N, C-alpha and C. Protein backbone atom coordinates (compact mmCIF):
# COMPACT_ATOMS: atom_id res chain seq x y z
N UNK A 1 22.64 20.72 64.13
CA UNK A 1 21.63 21.66 63.99
C UNK A 1 20.53 21.33 62.94
N UNK A 2 19.31 21.25 63.30
CA UNK A 2 18.08 21.01 62.47
C UNK A 2 17.85 22.10 61.43
N UNK A 3 17.72 21.68 60.13
CA UNK A 3 17.39 22.52 59.04
C UNK A 3 15.94 23.06 59.08
N UNK A 4 15.73 24.43 58.94
CA UNK A 4 14.46 24.81 58.89
C UNK A 4 13.75 24.57 57.72
N UNK A 5 12.42 24.18 57.74
CA UNK A 5 11.72 24.01 56.34
C UNK A 5 11.61 25.12 55.59
N UNK A 6 11.76 24.95 54.24
CA UNK A 6 11.87 26.08 53.39
C UNK A 6 10.43 26.68 53.30
N UNK A 7 10.37 27.97 53.30
CA UNK A 7 9.14 28.69 53.25
C UNK A 7 8.80 29.03 51.70
N UNK A 8 7.46 28.81 51.41
CA UNK A 8 7.16 29.10 50.11
C UNK A 8 6.22 30.37 50.09
N UNK A 9 6.31 31.11 49.03
CA UNK A 9 5.49 32.39 48.72
C UNK A 9 4.11 31.98 48.35
N UNK A 10 3.22 32.90 48.87
CA UNK A 10 1.75 32.52 48.37
C UNK A 10 1.49 33.32 47.12
N UNK A 11 0.63 32.61 46.31
CA UNK A 11 0.40 33.13 44.77
C UNK A 11 -0.52 34.51 45.10
N UNK A 12 -0.62 35.28 43.98
CA UNK A 12 -1.40 36.38 43.93
C UNK A 12 -2.30 36.20 42.84
N UNK A 13 -3.57 36.61 43.13
CA UNK A 13 -4.68 36.64 41.99
C UNK A 13 -5.29 38.01 42.11
N UNK A 14 -5.56 38.62 40.77
CA UNK A 14 -6.17 39.88 40.82
C UNK A 14 -7.68 39.54 40.95
N UNK A 15 -8.37 40.57 41.41
CA UNK A 15 -9.83 40.54 41.62
C UNK A 15 -10.50 40.35 40.14
N UNK A 16 -9.92 41.03 39.18
CA UNK A 16 -10.44 40.80 37.72
C UNK A 16 -10.33 39.35 37.30
N UNK A 17 -9.48 38.61 37.84
CA UNK A 17 -9.33 37.09 37.57
C UNK A 17 -10.68 36.35 37.96
N UNK A 18 -11.20 36.74 39.21
CA UNK A 18 -12.42 36.22 39.54
C UNK A 18 -13.68 36.75 38.71
N UNK A 19 -13.51 38.03 38.31
CA UNK A 19 -14.52 38.69 37.76
C UNK A 19 -14.76 38.05 36.25
N UNK A 20 -13.57 37.58 35.64
CA UNK A 20 -13.62 36.96 34.36
C UNK A 20 -13.95 35.49 34.26
N UNK A 21 -14.53 35.00 35.36
CA UNK A 21 -14.97 33.53 35.38
C UNK A 21 -13.85 32.51 35.76
N UNK A 22 -12.84 33.06 36.40
CA UNK A 22 -11.70 32.16 36.71
C UNK A 22 -11.75 31.62 38.14
N UNK A 23 -12.76 31.96 38.92
CA UNK A 23 -12.91 31.68 40.33
C UNK A 23 -12.93 30.12 40.50
N UNK A 24 -13.61 29.45 39.66
CA UNK A 24 -13.70 28.01 39.85
C UNK A 24 -12.29 27.37 39.72
N UNK A 25 -11.57 27.79 38.63
CA UNK A 25 -10.17 27.31 38.39
C UNK A 25 -9.29 27.71 39.58
N UNK A 26 -9.38 28.83 40.06
CA UNK A 26 -8.52 29.41 41.13
C UNK A 26 -8.70 28.51 42.36
N UNK A 27 -10.14 28.44 42.86
CA UNK A 27 -10.49 27.73 44.09
C UNK A 27 -10.06 26.16 43.94
N UNK A 28 -10.11 25.39 42.72
CA UNK A 28 -9.91 24.20 42.59
C UNK A 28 -8.29 24.06 42.83
N UNK A 29 -7.54 24.95 42.20
CA UNK A 29 -6.06 24.90 42.32
C UNK A 29 -5.64 24.92 43.82
N UNK A 30 -6.24 25.90 44.56
CA UNK A 30 -5.96 26.18 45.93
C UNK A 30 -6.37 24.95 46.75
N UNK A 31 -7.45 24.31 46.39
CA UNK A 31 -7.99 23.12 47.19
C UNK A 31 -7.00 21.94 46.85
N UNK A 32 -6.64 21.71 45.61
CA UNK A 32 -5.75 20.60 45.19
C UNK A 32 -4.34 20.72 45.83
N UNK A 33 -3.88 21.90 45.97
CA UNK A 33 -2.46 22.12 46.40
C UNK A 33 -2.41 22.49 47.89
N UNK A 34 -3.66 22.40 48.54
CA UNK A 34 -3.90 22.86 50.00
C UNK A 34 -3.08 24.17 50.34
N UNK A 35 -3.20 25.15 49.45
CA UNK A 35 -2.58 26.38 49.36
C UNK A 35 -3.37 27.64 49.84
N UNK A 36 -2.69 28.76 49.87
CA UNK A 36 -3.42 29.87 50.09
C UNK A 36 -2.87 31.00 49.24
N UNK A 37 -3.69 32.01 49.00
CA UNK A 37 -3.27 32.98 48.01
C UNK A 37 -4.00 34.39 48.29
N UNK A 38 -3.18 35.39 48.03
CA UNK A 38 -3.68 36.85 48.20
C UNK A 38 -4.60 37.14 46.97
N UNK A 39 -5.46 38.01 47.38
CA UNK A 39 -6.45 38.48 46.29
C UNK A 39 -6.17 39.91 46.19
N UNK A 40 -5.85 40.43 45.13
CA UNK A 40 -5.55 41.87 44.92
C UNK A 40 -6.48 42.58 44.12
N UNK A 41 -6.67 43.94 44.57
CA UNK A 41 -7.53 44.76 43.81
C UNK A 41 -6.70 46.04 43.65
N UNK A 42 -6.49 46.40 42.51
CA UNK A 42 -5.55 47.57 42.15
C UNK A 42 -4.27 47.47 42.68
N UNK A 43 -3.75 46.25 42.71
CA UNK A 43 -2.47 46.04 43.18
C UNK A 43 -2.26 45.93 44.69
N UNK A 44 -3.40 46.04 45.42
CA UNK A 44 -3.19 46.01 46.93
C UNK A 44 -3.91 44.73 47.31
N UNK A 45 -3.37 44.04 48.34
CA UNK A 45 -3.94 42.95 48.93
C UNK A 45 -5.30 43.25 49.72
N UNK A 46 -6.36 42.50 49.26
CA UNK A 46 -7.52 42.81 49.88
C UNK A 46 -8.20 41.51 50.68
N UNK A 47 -7.80 40.43 50.26
CA UNK A 47 -8.22 39.25 50.92
C UNK A 47 -7.29 38.17 50.81
N UNK A 48 -7.46 36.98 51.62
CA UNK A 48 -6.65 35.90 51.40
C UNK A 48 -7.56 34.68 51.20
N UNK A 49 -7.50 33.83 50.36
CA UNK A 49 -8.24 32.74 50.02
C UNK A 49 -7.28 31.41 50.29
N UNK A 50 -7.89 30.50 51.01
CA UNK A 50 -7.16 29.29 51.27
C UNK A 50 -8.08 27.97 51.15
N UNK A 51 -7.43 26.95 51.06
CA UNK A 51 -8.09 25.68 51.09
C UNK A 51 -8.67 25.23 52.42
N UNK A 52 -9.82 24.52 52.36
CA UNK A 52 -10.24 24.12 53.69
C UNK A 52 -9.31 23.25 54.41
N UNK A 53 -8.62 22.36 53.68
CA UNK A 53 -7.56 21.53 54.41
C UNK A 53 -6.57 22.30 55.25
N UNK A 54 -6.09 23.41 54.45
CA UNK A 54 -5.21 24.36 55.19
C UNK A 54 -5.87 24.87 56.48
N UNK A 55 -7.07 25.27 56.40
CA UNK A 55 -7.78 26.02 57.46
C UNK A 55 -7.95 25.06 58.60
N UNK A 56 -8.38 23.71 58.26
CA UNK A 56 -8.32 22.59 59.20
C UNK A 56 -7.13 22.44 59.98
N UNK A 57 -6.01 22.42 59.13
CA UNK A 57 -4.70 22.22 59.83
C UNK A 57 -4.30 23.35 60.88
N UNK A 58 -4.62 24.52 60.50
CA UNK A 58 -4.47 25.69 61.33
C UNK A 58 -5.30 25.50 62.67
N UNK A 59 -6.54 25.02 62.50
CA UNK A 59 -7.35 24.95 63.55
C UNK A 59 -6.79 23.78 64.55
N UNK A 60 -6.40 22.77 63.95
CA UNK A 60 -5.83 21.63 64.75
C UNK A 60 -4.63 22.17 65.50
N UNK A 61 -3.81 23.08 65.11
CA UNK A 61 -2.59 23.68 65.53
C UNK A 61 -2.95 24.70 66.58
N UNK A 62 -4.21 24.89 66.75
CA UNK A 62 -4.72 25.91 67.71
C UNK A 62 -4.75 27.45 67.19
N UNK A 63 -4.67 27.50 65.78
CA UNK A 63 -4.74 28.77 65.16
C UNK A 63 -6.18 28.94 64.62
N UNK A 64 -6.95 29.93 65.15
CA UNK A 64 -8.12 30.16 64.53
C UNK A 64 -8.05 31.57 64.01
N UNK A 65 -8.03 31.67 62.57
CA UNK A 65 -7.84 32.93 61.91
C UNK A 65 -8.88 33.89 62.10
N UNK A 66 -10.05 33.51 62.55
CA UNK A 66 -11.15 34.39 62.94
C UNK A 66 -10.97 35.13 64.33
N UNK A 67 -9.89 34.73 65.10
CA UNK A 67 -9.55 35.62 66.27
C UNK A 67 -8.65 36.72 66.00
N UNK A 68 -8.30 36.90 64.76
CA UNK A 68 -7.29 37.90 64.51
C UNK A 68 -7.84 39.03 63.67
């Protein structure tokens, strides 16, 4: 029986982190880690931010997130 790959949880960033000038740091981290993260406003998910490398991998796998 083949082991399933371990799933990781996405990070969360508050909208206020972006407003306090942390956006460059957050985007750089997502890019370097080829990761995705939720953006929260008042504790509710409002958006998802992801690295371009992750987006390209999804596109190559036939998943276009703009279709959903």
